[in-house]
């Protein structure tokens, strides 16, 4: 696809080349596979939404971590997001500089995710599990409005700011690994009554 184009996937596709900055991606059928048997990490770079309306996302089993850079929302309505295939993994970076969300009608399990661009606010509006780490960068916010489970470490800020807010009592919130609140950062559980 050319930069700025929307992509609709209706059959099996393997991502094994560098991608330009696309807009929205909608997976409606088939499987989107990151990588091949060669351990080369690939990035999918987007300014818009990543939507699963069917089909599945997975990785090859080669020992490498691929990255999805999302400027819009991550929406899982009926698809399968397998971000942790033995060896292959997918890390998601939310980087819009504005409000984004994890939403849809189906829960999602990530390998890891992070916020990266100043002024990014990520709203967790659907049950979300992360098998590995969650990183909330300086000047970014993670608002938890649904069930949330982190299997690895959680890091808030890198020495100047960063915020995690638990905004809804519904759903279990579990931080299994070390939760680090760096200087200037905030972990706010006060909004739950």
N, C-alpha and C. Protein backbone atom coordinates (compact mmCIF):
# COMPACT_ATOMS: atom_id res chain seq x y z
N UNK A 1 0.83 -1.21 0.00
CA UNK A 1 0.00 0.00 0.00
C UNK A 1 0.87 1.26 0.00
N UNK A 2 0.31 2.32 -0.50
CA UNK A 2 0.99 3.61 -0.52
C UNK A 2 0.74 4.35 0.79
N UNK A 3 1.62 5.29 1.13
CA UNK A 3 1.42 6.06 2.37
C UNK A 3 0.05 6.73 2.38
N UNK A 4 -0.62 6.66 3.56
CA UNK A 4 -1.91 7.31 3.73
C UNK A 4 -3.11 6.50 3.27
N UNK A 5 -2.87 5.34 2.64
CA UNK A 5 -3.98 4.54 2.16
C UNK A 5 -4.60 3.71 3.29
N UNK A 6 -5.89 3.37 3.14
CA UNK A 6 -6.56 2.42 4.02
C UNK A 6 -6.31 1.02 3.46
N UNK A 7 -6.17 0.03 4.35
CA UNK A 7 -5.92 -1.34 3.94
C UNK A 7 -7.02 -2.23 4.50
N UNK A 8 -7.64 -3.04 3.62
CA UNK A 8 -8.63 -4.03 4.02
C UNK A 8 -8.08 -5.39 3.65
N UNK A 9 -8.01 -6.30 4.63
CA UNK A 9 -7.47 -7.64 4.40
C UNK A 9 -8.63 -8.63 4.42
N UNK A 10 -8.75 -9.40 3.31
CA UNK A 10 -9.82 -10.38 3.16
C UNK A 10 -9.29 -11.79 2.96
N UNK A 11 -7.96 -11.98 3.02
CA UNK A 11 -7.35 -13.30 2.80
C UNK A 11 -6.01 -13.33 3.55
N UNK A 12 -5.29 -14.42 3.48
CA UNK A 12 -4.02 -14.55 4.18
C UNK A 12 -2.98 -13.59 3.61
N UNK A 13 -2.27 -12.87 4.52
CA UNK A 13 -1.23 -11.93 4.15
C UNK A 13 -0.06 -12.11 5.10
N UNK A 14 1.17 -12.12 4.57
CA UNK A 14 2.37 -12.16 5.39
C UNK A 14 3.09 -10.82 5.29
N UNK A 15 3.34 -10.20 6.43
CA UNK A 15 4.09 -8.95 6.46
C UNK A 15 5.57 -9.30 6.57
N UNK A 16 6.29 -9.15 5.46
CA UNK A 16 7.72 -9.46 5.45
C UNK A 16 8.51 -8.43 4.65
N UNK A 17 7.96 -7.20 4.63
CA UNK A 17 8.63 -6.06 4.00
C UNK A 17 8.36 -4.83 4.87
N UNK A 18 9.17 -3.80 4.69
CA UNK A 18 8.94 -2.55 5.42
C UNK A 18 7.66 -1.89 4.91
N UNK A 19 6.85 -1.35 5.81
CA UNK A 19 5.61 -0.69 5.40
C UNK A 19 5.75 0.81 5.53
N UNK A 20 5.13 1.52 4.59
CA UNK A 20 5.02 2.97 4.70
C UNK A 20 3.93 3.28 5.70
N UNK A 21 3.75 4.54 6.02
CA UNK A 21 2.77 4.97 7.00
C UNK A 21 1.37 4.91 6.38
N UNK A 22 0.63 3.83 6.68
CA UNK A 22 -0.73 3.70 6.16
C UNK A 22 -1.71 4.38 7.11
N UNK A 23 -2.96 4.50 6.68
CA UNK A 23 -3.98 5.08 7.54
C UNK A 23 -4.63 3.96 8.36
N UNK A 24 -5.85 3.54 8.02
CA UNK A 24 -6.55 2.50 8.76
C UNK A 24 -6.23 1.12 8.18
N UNK A 25 -6.27 0.09 9.06
CA UNK A 25 -6.18 -1.30 8.62
C UNK A 25 -7.37 -2.03 9.20
N UNK A 26 -8.10 -2.75 8.33
CA UNK A 26 -9.25 -3.54 8.75
C UNK A 26 -9.01 -4.97 8.31
N UNK A 27 -8.89 -5.89 9.28
CA UNK A 27 -8.75 -7.32 8.99
C UNK A 27 -10.13 -7.93 9.11
N UNK A 28 -10.68 -8.38 7.97
CA UNK A 28 -12.05 -8.91 7.95
C UNK A 28 -12.11 -10.42 7.76
N UNK A 29 -11.05 -11.01 7.19
CA UNK A 29 -10.99 -12.47 6.99
C UNK A 29 -9.54 -12.84 6.73
N UNK A 30 -9.22 -14.12 6.90
CA UNK A 30 -7.86 -14.57 6.66
C UNK A 30 -6.97 -14.31 7.86
N UNK A 31 -5.66 -14.49 7.64
CA UNK A 31 -4.67 -14.31 8.70
C UNK A 31 -3.61 -13.33 8.27
N UNK A 32 -3.32 -12.36 9.12
CA UNK A 32 -2.19 -11.45 8.93
C UNK A 32 -1.05 -12.00 9.78
N UNK A 33 0.01 -12.47 9.12
CA UNK A 33 1.16 -13.06 9.80
C UNK A 33 2.34 -12.12 9.72
N UNK A 34 2.93 -11.81 10.87
CA UNK A 34 4.13 -10.99 10.91
C UNK A 34 5.36 -11.88 10.78
N UNK A 35 6.17 -11.66 9.76
CA UNK A 35 7.44 -12.35 9.61
C UNK A 35 7.36 -13.71 8.97
N UNK A 36 8.54 -14.26 8.72
CA UNK A 36 8.69 -15.59 8.13
C UNK A 36 9.61 -16.39 9.06
N UNK A 37 10.16 -17.48 8.56
CA UNK A 37 11.06 -18.31 9.37
C UNK A 37 12.38 -17.60 9.67
N UNK A 38 12.67 -16.52 8.97
CA UNK A 38 13.88 -15.73 9.22
C UNK A 38 13.57 -14.72 10.31
N UNK A 39 14.44 -14.61 11.30
CA UNK A 39 14.18 -13.75 12.47
C UNK A 39 14.46 -12.28 12.17
N UNK A 40 13.68 -11.70 11.25
CA UNK A 40 13.78 -10.28 10.93
C UNK A 40 12.58 -9.56 11.51
N UNK A 41 12.79 -8.56 12.39
CA UNK A 41 11.64 -7.83 12.94
C UNK A 41 11.04 -6.88 11.90
N UNK A 42 9.72 -6.84 11.84
CA UNK A 42 9.02 -5.96 10.91
C UNK A 42 8.11 -5.02 11.70
N UNK A 43 7.89 -3.83 11.14
CA UNK A 43 7.00 -2.84 11.76
C UNK A 43 5.85 -2.52 10.82
N UNK A 44 4.66 -2.41 11.41
CA UNK A 44 3.49 -1.91 10.71
C UNK A 44 3.21 -0.54 11.29
N UNK A 45 3.29 0.50 10.45
CA UNK A 45 3.19 1.88 10.91
C UNK A 45 1.89 2.49 10.40
N UNK A 46 1.06 2.98 11.33
CA UNK A 46 -0.28 3.44 11.00
C UNK A 46 -0.59 4.79 11.65
N UNK A 47 -1.34 5.62 10.92
CA UNK A 47 -1.85 6.86 11.51
C UNK A 47 -3.27 6.68 12.02
N UNK A 48 -3.96 5.65 11.54
CA UNK A 48 -5.37 5.44 11.88
C UNK A 48 -5.60 4.25 12.77
N UNK A 49 -6.79 3.63 12.61
CA UNK A 49 -7.25 2.54 13.47
C UNK A 49 -6.78 1.18 12.96
N UNK A 50 -6.56 0.26 13.91
CA UNK A 50 -6.30 -1.15 13.63
C UNK A 50 -7.55 -1.89 14.08
N UNK A 51 -8.32 -2.45 13.12
CA UNK A 51 -9.61 -3.06 13.44
C UNK A 51 -9.63 -4.53 13.06
N UNK A 52 -10.01 -5.38 14.02
CA UNK A 52 -10.22 -6.81 13.78
C UNK A 52 -11.72 -7.04 13.70
N UNK A 53 -12.22 -7.30 12.49
CA UNK A 53 -13.64 -7.62 12.29
C UNK A 53 -13.79 -9.06 11.81
N UNK A 54 -12.82 -9.89 12.10
CA UNK A 54 -12.78 -11.27 11.66
C UNK A 54 -11.33 -11.62 11.36
N UNK A 55 -11.07 -12.89 11.10
CA UNK A 55 -9.70 -13.28 10.81
C UNK A 55 -8.83 -13.27 12.05
N UNK A 56 -7.52 -13.36 11.83
CA UNK A 56 -6.61 -13.41 12.96
C UNK A 56 -5.28 -12.76 12.62
N UNK A 57 -4.59 -12.36 13.67
CA UNK A 57 -3.24 -11.80 13.57
C UNK A 57 -2.33 -12.73 14.35
N UNK A 58 -1.17 -13.08 13.77
CA UNK A 58 -0.22 -13.95 14.43
C UNK A 58 1.19 -13.61 13.96
N UNK A 59 2.16 -14.33 14.47
CA UNK A 59 3.55 -14.15 14.04
C UNK A 59 4.11 -15.49 13.60
N UNK A 60 5.22 -15.42 12.88
CA UNK A 60 5.96 -16.65 12.61
C UNK A 60 6.58 -17.10 13.92
N UNK A 61 7.18 -18.26 13.94
CA UNK A 61 7.79 -18.76 15.17
C UNK A 61 9.26 -18.34 15.29
N UNK A 62 9.77 -17.57 14.32
CA UNK A 62 11.15 -17.09 14.42
C UNK A 62 11.29 -16.20 15.65
N UNK A 63 12.40 -16.29 16.34
CA UNK A 63 12.61 -15.59 17.60
C UNK A 63 12.89 -14.10 17.35
N UNK A 64 11.84 -13.30 17.29
CA UNK A 64 11.97 -11.86 17.09
C UNK A 64 10.70 -11.16 17.55
N UNK A 65 10.79 -9.85 17.79
CA UNK A 65 9.63 -9.06 18.19
C UNK A 65 9.31 -8.04 17.10
N UNK A 66 8.09 -8.10 16.60
CA UNK A 66 7.59 -7.17 15.59
C UNK A 66 6.87 -6.04 16.32
N UNK A 67 6.63 -4.92 15.62
CA UNK A 67 6.00 -3.75 16.25
C UNK A 67 4.87 -3.24 15.38
N UNK A 68 3.75 -2.93 16.02
CA UNK A 68 2.67 -2.19 15.38
C UNK A 68 2.63 -0.81 16.03
N UNK A 69 2.90 0.23 15.25
CA UNK A 69 2.80 1.62 15.72
C UNK A 69 1.44 2.14 15.28
N UNK A 70 0.57 2.44 16.26
CA UNK A 70 -0.80 2.82 15.97
C UNK A 70 -1.04 4.28 16.37
N UNK A 71 -1.54 5.06 15.40
CA UNK A 71 -1.90 6.45 15.67
C UNK A 71 -3.38 6.62 15.98
N UNK A 72 -4.17 5.56 15.78
CA UNK A 72 -5.61 5.59 16.05
C UNK A 72 -5.96 4.63 17.17
N UNK A 73 -7.12 3.99 17.02
CA UNK A 73 -7.62 3.06 18.04
C UNK A 73 -7.30 1.62 17.66
N UNK A 74 -7.25 0.75 18.67
CA UNK A 74 -7.17 -0.70 18.47
C UNK A 74 -8.55 -1.24 18.79
N UNK A 75 -9.24 -1.79 17.77
CA UNK A 75 -10.63 -2.22 17.92
C UNK A 75 -10.72 -3.70 17.58
N UNK A 76 -11.12 -4.52 18.55
CA UNK A 76 -11.28 -5.96 18.32
C UNK A 76 -12.76 -6.31 18.46
N UNK A 77 -13.40 -6.56 17.31
CA UNK A 77 -14.82 -6.92 17.34
C UNK A 77 -15.04 -8.42 17.32
N UNK A 78 -14.36 -9.14 16.47
CA UNK A 78 -14.56 -10.59 16.41
C UNK A 78 -13.30 -11.34 16.02
N UNK A 79 -12.18 -10.69 15.94
CA UNK A 79 -10.96 -11.35 15.48
C UNK A 79 -10.15 -11.97 16.60
N UNK A 80 -9.05 -12.62 16.21
CA UNK A 80 -8.12 -13.23 17.15
C UNK A 80 -6.78 -12.52 17.01
N UNK A 81 -6.24 -12.03 18.11
CA UNK A 81 -4.95 -11.34 18.11
C UNK A 81 -3.98 -12.21 18.90
N UNK A 82 -3.17 -13.01 18.18
CA UNK A 82 -2.21 -13.91 18.81
C UNK A 82 -0.83 -13.25 18.74
N UNK A 83 -0.53 -12.44 19.73
CA UNK A 83 0.69 -11.64 19.72
C UNK A 83 1.88 -12.36 20.34
N UNK A 84 1.73 -13.62 20.70
CA UNK A 84 2.81 -14.36 21.34
C UNK A 84 2.82 -15.80 20.83
N UNK A 85 3.44 -15.97 19.67
CA UNK A 85 3.62 -17.30 19.10
C UNK A 85 4.98 -17.77 19.60
N UNK A 86 5.19 -19.03 19.95
CA UNK A 86 6.51 -19.42 20.48
C UNK A 86 7.65 -18.85 19.62
N UNK A 87 8.39 -17.94 20.18
CA UNK A 87 9.48 -17.27 19.47
C UNK A 87 9.07 -15.91 18.97
N UNK A 88 8.06 -15.83 18.11
CA UNK A 88 7.62 -14.56 17.54
C UNK A 88 6.66 -13.82 18.45
N UNK A 89 6.84 -12.50 18.52
CA UNK A 89 6.00 -11.68 19.38
C UNK A 89 5.64 -10.38 18.65
N UNK A 90 4.56 -9.73 19.11
CA UNK A 90 4.15 -8.44 18.56
C UNK A 90 3.99 -7.46 19.72
N UNK A 91 4.70 -6.36 19.65
CA UNK A 91 4.57 -5.28 20.62
C UNK A 91 3.79 -4.15 19.96
N UNK A 92 2.87 -3.53 20.69
CA UNK A 92 2.05 -2.45 20.14
C UNK A 92 2.42 -1.14 20.81
N UNK A 93 2.62 -0.10 19.98
CA UNK A 93 2.97 1.23 20.48
C UNK A 93 1.85 2.19 20.08
N UNK A 94 1.24 2.84 21.07
CA UNK A 94 0.20 3.85 20.83
C UNK A 94 0.90 5.21 20.85
N UNK A 95 0.81 5.96 19.73
CA UNK A 95 1.67 7.14 19.58
C UNK A 95 1.01 8.33 18.90
N UNK A 96 -0.28 8.54 19.12
CA UNK A 96 -0.98 9.60 18.37
C UNK A 96 -0.70 11.01 18.86
N UNK A 97 -0.37 11.17 20.13
CA UNK A 97 -0.28 12.52 20.69
C UNK A 97 -1.65 13.06 21.04
N UNK A 98 -2.69 12.22 21.00
CA UNK A 98 -4.05 12.61 21.39
C UNK A 98 -4.70 11.38 22.04
N UNK A 99 -6.04 11.36 22.15
CA UNK A 99 -6.73 10.26 22.82
C UNK A 99 -6.90 9.08 21.88
N UNK A 100 -6.54 7.89 22.36
CA UNK A 100 -6.72 6.62 21.65
C UNK A 100 -7.43 5.66 22.59
N UNK A 101 -7.90 4.52 22.04
CA UNK A 101 -8.55 3.56 22.90
C UNK A 101 -8.32 2.13 22.43
N UNK A 102 -8.40 1.22 23.39
CA UNK A 102 -8.52 -0.21 23.11
C UNK A 102 -9.99 -0.50 23.34
N UNK A 103 -10.69 -0.92 22.27
CA UNK A 103 -12.15 -1.02 22.33
C UNK A 103 -12.63 -2.20 21.49
N UNK A 104 -13.93 -2.23 21.25
CA UNK A 104 -14.56 -3.27 20.45
C UNK A 104 -15.43 -4.16 21.31
N UNK A 105 -15.89 -5.26 20.72
CA UNK A 105 -16.81 -6.16 21.41
C UNK A 105 -16.10 -7.38 22.00
N UNK A 106 -14.81 -7.57 21.70
CA UNK A 106 -14.06 -8.74 22.18
C UNK A 106 -12.84 -8.32 22.99
N UNK A 107 -12.53 -9.05 24.06
CA UNK A 107 -11.30 -8.79 24.82
C UNK A 107 -10.07 -9.07 23.94
N UNK A 108 -8.95 -8.46 24.29
CA UNK A 108 -7.71 -8.65 23.54
C UNK A 108 -6.58 -8.98 24.49
N UNK A 109 -5.71 -9.91 24.06
CA UNK A 109 -4.49 -10.23 24.78
C UNK A 109 -3.31 -9.76 23.95
N UNK A 110 -2.54 -8.84 24.50
CA UNK A 110 -1.33 -8.31 23.85
C UNK A 110 -0.12 -9.04 24.40
N UNK A 111 0.99 -9.01 23.67
CA UNK A 111 2.26 -9.45 24.24
C UNK A 111 2.77 -8.33 25.14
N UNK A 112 2.94 -7.13 24.58
CA UNK A 112 3.30 -5.95 25.36
C UNK A 112 2.76 -4.73 24.63
N UNK A 113 2.56 -3.63 25.39
CA UNK A 113 2.22 -2.38 24.72
C UNK A 113 2.76 -1.21 25.51
N UNK A 114 2.83 -0.06 24.80
CA UNK A 114 3.35 1.15 25.43
C UNK A 114 2.69 2.37 24.80
N UNK A 115 2.79 3.48 25.53
CA UNK A 115 2.45 4.79 24.98
C UNK A 115 3.78 5.50 24.76
N UNK A 116 3.85 6.32 23.69
CA UNK A 116 5.18 6.87 23.41
C UNK A 116 5.24 8.35 23.09
N UNK A 117 4.18 8.97 22.62
CA UNK A 117 4.25 10.36 22.18
C UNK A 117 3.58 11.26 23.22
N UNK A 118 4.22 12.38 23.53
CA UNK A 118 3.68 13.32 24.52
C UNK A 118 2.23 13.64 24.18
N UNK A 119 1.41 13.74 25.21
CA UNK A 119 -0.01 14.07 25.15
C UNK A 119 -0.88 12.89 24.71
N UNK A 120 -0.31 11.70 24.53
CA UNK A 120 -1.11 10.51 24.21
C UNK A 120 -1.86 10.08 25.47
N UNK A 121 -3.18 9.88 25.31
CA UNK A 121 -4.00 9.29 26.36
C UNK A 121 -4.60 8.01 25.79
N UNK A 122 -4.37 6.89 26.46
CA UNK A 122 -4.90 5.61 26.02
C UNK A 122 -5.98 5.16 26.99
N UNK A 123 -7.21 5.00 26.47
CA UNK A 123 -8.35 4.55 27.28
C UNK A 123 -8.57 3.06 27.06
N UNK A 124 -8.54 2.28 28.15
CA UNK A 124 -8.82 0.84 28.08
C UNK A 124 -10.32 0.69 28.27
N UNK A 125 -11.07 0.50 27.17
CA UNK A 125 -12.53 0.42 27.22
C UNK A 125 -13.06 -0.99 26.99
N UNK A 126 -12.16 -1.97 26.85
CA UNK A 126 -12.53 -3.38 26.71
C UNK A 126 -11.53 -4.19 27.53
N UNK A 127 -11.95 -5.35 28.02
CA UNK A 127 -11.06 -6.19 28.82
C UNK A 127 -9.75 -6.43 28.06
N UNK A 128 -8.63 -6.20 28.74
CA UNK A 128 -7.31 -6.25 28.11
C UNK A 128 -6.34 -7.00 29.00
N UNK A 129 -5.58 -7.91 28.37
CA UNK A 129 -4.52 -8.64 29.05
C UNK A 129 -3.21 -8.38 28.31
N UNK A 130 -2.15 -8.20 29.06
CA UNK A 130 -0.82 -8.08 28.49
C UNK A 130 0.05 -9.15 29.11
N UNK A 131 0.60 -10.03 28.27
CA UNK A 131 1.40 -11.15 28.76
C UNK A 131 2.73 -10.69 29.33
N UNK A 132 3.29 -9.63 28.77
CA UNK A 132 4.60 -9.15 29.21
C UNK A 132 4.43 -7.76 29.82
N UNK A 133 5.13 -6.77 29.32
CA UNK A 133 5.24 -5.47 29.99
C UNK A 133 4.32 -4.39 29.41
N UNK A 134 3.97 -3.44 30.29
CA UNK A 134 3.26 -2.23 29.90
C UNK A 134 4.13 -1.05 30.30
N UNK A 135 4.33 -0.12 29.36
CA UNK A 135 5.13 1.08 29.62
C UNK A 135 4.32 2.31 29.29
N UNK A 136 4.16 3.20 30.26
CA UNK A 136 3.48 4.48 30.06
C UNK A 136 4.57 5.55 30.08
N UNK A 137 4.81 6.16 28.94
CA UNK A 137 5.92 7.10 28.79
C UNK A 137 5.65 8.43 29.50
N UNK A 138 6.70 9.24 29.62
CA UNK A 138 6.53 10.60 30.15
C UNK A 138 5.46 11.33 29.35
N UNK A 139 4.68 12.16 30.03
CA UNK A 139 3.67 13.03 29.42
C UNK A 139 2.56 12.25 28.71
N UNK A 140 2.35 10.98 29.09
CA UNK A 140 1.25 10.19 28.54
C UNK A 140 0.41 9.64 29.69
N UNK A 141 -0.82 9.21 29.35
CA UNK A 141 -1.77 8.74 30.36
C UNK A 141 -2.42 7.45 29.90
N UNK A 142 -2.60 6.52 30.84
CA UNK A 142 -3.34 5.28 30.61
C UNK A 142 -4.54 5.29 31.54
N UNK A 143 -5.76 5.35 30.96
CA UNK A 143 -7.00 5.32 31.74
C UNK A 143 -7.61 3.92 31.64
N UNK A 144 -7.80 3.26 32.79
CA UNK A 144 -8.30 1.89 32.82
C UNK A 144 -9.79 1.92 33.18
N UNK A 145 -10.64 1.57 32.19
CA UNK A 145 -12.09 1.61 32.35
C UNK A 145 -12.73 0.23 32.30
N UNK A 146 -11.92 -0.84 32.31
CA UNK A 146 -12.44 -2.20 32.19
C UNK A 146 -11.45 -3.15 32.84
N UNK A 147 -11.68 -4.45 32.73
CA UNK A 147 -10.75 -5.44 33.29
C UNK A 147 -9.37 -5.26 32.63
N UNK A 148 -8.31 -5.40 33.45
CA UNK A 148 -6.96 -5.14 32.97
C UNK A 148 -5.99 -6.04 33.72
N UNK A 149 -5.18 -6.80 32.98
CA UNK A 149 -4.27 -7.76 33.59
C UNK A 149 -2.90 -7.64 32.93
N UNK A 150 -1.87 -7.38 33.72
CA UNK A 150 -0.50 -7.28 33.22
C UNK A 150 0.29 -8.45 33.78
N UNK A 151 0.84 -9.30 32.90
CA UNK A 151 1.61 -10.45 33.33
C UNK A 151 3.06 -10.15 33.64
N UNK A 152 3.58 -9.06 33.10
CA UNK A 152 4.97 -8.67 33.33
C UNK A 152 5.05 -7.43 34.19
N UNK A 153 6.01 -6.58 33.91
CA UNK A 153 6.19 -5.35 34.69
C UNK A 153 5.36 -4.21 34.11
N UNK A 154 5.08 -3.23 34.96
CA UNK A 154 4.40 -2.01 34.55
C UNK A 154 5.29 -0.85 34.97
N UNK A 155 5.61 0.03 34.02
CA UNK A 155 6.46 1.18 34.30
C UNK A 155 5.71 2.45 33.93
N UNK A 156 5.64 3.38 34.88
CA UNK A 156 4.97 4.65 34.63
C UNK A 156 6.03 5.74 34.62
N UNK A 157 6.16 6.43 33.50
CA UNK A 157 7.10 7.54 33.37
C UNK A 157 8.54 7.09 33.30
N UNK A 158 9.36 8.05 32.89
CA UNK A 158 10.80 7.81 32.79
C UNK A 158 11.57 8.87 33.56
N UNK A 159 10.93 9.43 34.59
CA UNK A 159 11.62 10.38 35.44
C UNK A 159 11.03 11.77 35.52
N UNK A 160 10.00 12.07 34.67
CA UNK A 160 9.40 13.40 34.77
C UNK A 160 7.89 13.37 34.91
N UNK A 161 7.20 12.39 34.31
CA UNK A 161 5.73 12.36 34.38
C UNK A 161 5.24 11.01 33.88
N UNK A 162 3.93 10.93 33.58
CA UNK A 162 3.28 9.69 33.18
C UNK A 162 2.23 9.34 34.21
N UNK A 163 1.06 8.85 33.74
CA UNK A 163 -0.06 8.61 34.66
C UNK A 163 -0.77 7.32 34.28
N UNK A 164 -1.11 6.50 35.30
CA UNK A 164 -2.09 5.44 35.16
C UNK A 164 -3.24 5.77 36.10
N UNK A 165 -4.47 5.78 35.54
CA UNK A 165 -5.67 6.04 36.33
C UNK A 165 -6.62 4.86 36.22
N UNK A 166 -7.08 4.35 37.34
CA UNK A 166 -8.14 3.34 37.35
C UNK A 166 -9.44 4.10 37.54
N UNK A 167 -10.28 4.10 36.48
CA UNK A 167 -11.47 4.94 36.47
C UNK A 167 -12.77 4.18 36.66
N UNK A 168 -12.73 2.85 36.66
CA UNK A 168 -13.97 2.08 36.81
C UNK A 168 -13.72 0.90 37.74
N UNK A 169 -14.67 0.63 38.59
CA UNK A 169 -14.55 -0.49 39.51
C UNK A 169 -14.82 -1.82 38.82
N UNK A 170 -15.57 -1.81 37.70
CA UNK A 170 -15.94 -3.05 37.02
C UNK A 170 -14.70 -3.76 36.47
N UNK A 171 -14.66 -5.07 36.61
CA UNK A 171 -13.56 -5.86 36.07
C UNK A 171 -12.35 -5.87 36.99
N UNK A 172 -11.65 -6.99 37.01
CA UNK A 172 -10.46 -7.15 37.85
C UNK A 172 -9.29 -6.38 37.25
N UNK A 173 -8.53 -5.70 38.09
CA UNK A 173 -7.30 -5.03 37.69
C UNK A 173 -6.17 -5.76 38.39
N UNK A 174 -5.27 -6.38 37.62
CA UNK A 174 -4.20 -7.18 38.22
C UNK A 174 -2.86 -6.82 37.60
N UNK A 175 -1.92 -6.44 38.46
CA UNK A 175 -0.56 -6.13 38.06
C UNK A 175 0.33 -7.20 38.68
N UNK A 176 0.68 -8.24 37.91
CA UNK A 176 1.38 -9.40 38.44
C UNK A 176 2.84 -9.10 38.74
N UNK A 177 3.51 -8.41 37.83
CA UNK A 177 4.92 -8.11 38.01
C UNK A 177 5.13 -6.81 38.77
N UNK A 178 6.36 -6.36 38.80
CA UNK A 178 6.74 -5.13 39.48
C UNK A 178 6.03 -3.93 38.87
N UNK A 179 5.44 -3.07 39.70
CA UNK A 179 4.83 -1.82 39.27
C UNK A 179 5.74 -0.69 39.71
N UNK A 180 6.35 0.00 38.73
CA UNK A 180 7.30 1.07 39.02
C UNK A 180 6.67 2.41 38.70
N UNK A 181 6.58 3.29 39.70
CA UNK A 181 6.09 4.65 39.52
C UNK A 181 7.32 5.55 39.67
N UNK A 182 7.86 5.98 38.53
CA UNK A 182 9.09 6.78 38.55
C UNK A 182 8.82 8.20 39.04
N UNK A 183 9.88 8.93 39.34
CA UNK A 183 9.79 10.31 39.83
C UNK A 183 8.90 11.13 38.91
N UNK A 184 7.96 11.86 39.50
CA UNK A 184 7.06 12.72 38.74
C UNK A 184 5.85 12.00 38.16
N UNK A 185 5.82 10.68 38.20
CA UNK A 185 4.71 9.89 37.65
C UNK A 185 3.64 9.67 38.71
N UNK A 186 2.46 9.19 38.25
CA UNK A 186 1.32 9.01 39.15
C UNK A 186 0.60 7.70 38.87
N UNK A 187 0.25 6.99 39.96
CA UNK A 187 -0.67 5.85 39.89
C UNK A 187 -1.89 6.26 40.69
N UNK A 188 -3.04 6.45 40.02
CA UNK A 188 -4.22 7.01 40.63
C UNK A 188 -5.34 5.99 40.66
N UNK A 189 -5.67 5.52 41.87
CA UNK A 189 -6.78 4.59 42.07
C UNK A 189 -7.91 5.27 42.82
N UNK A 190 -7.87 6.58 42.94
CA UNK A 190 -8.83 7.33 43.74
C UNK A 190 -10.18 7.53 43.06
N UNK A 191 -10.25 7.32 41.73
CA UNK A 191 -11.49 7.59 41.03
C UNK A 191 -12.50 6.45 41.14
N UNK A 192 -12.11 5.35 41.80
CA UNK A 192 -13.01 4.21 41.96
C UNK A 192 -13.67 4.32 43.33
N UNK A 193 -15.00 4.33 43.36
CA UNK A 193 -15.71 4.45 44.64
C UNK A 193 -16.16 3.11 45.15
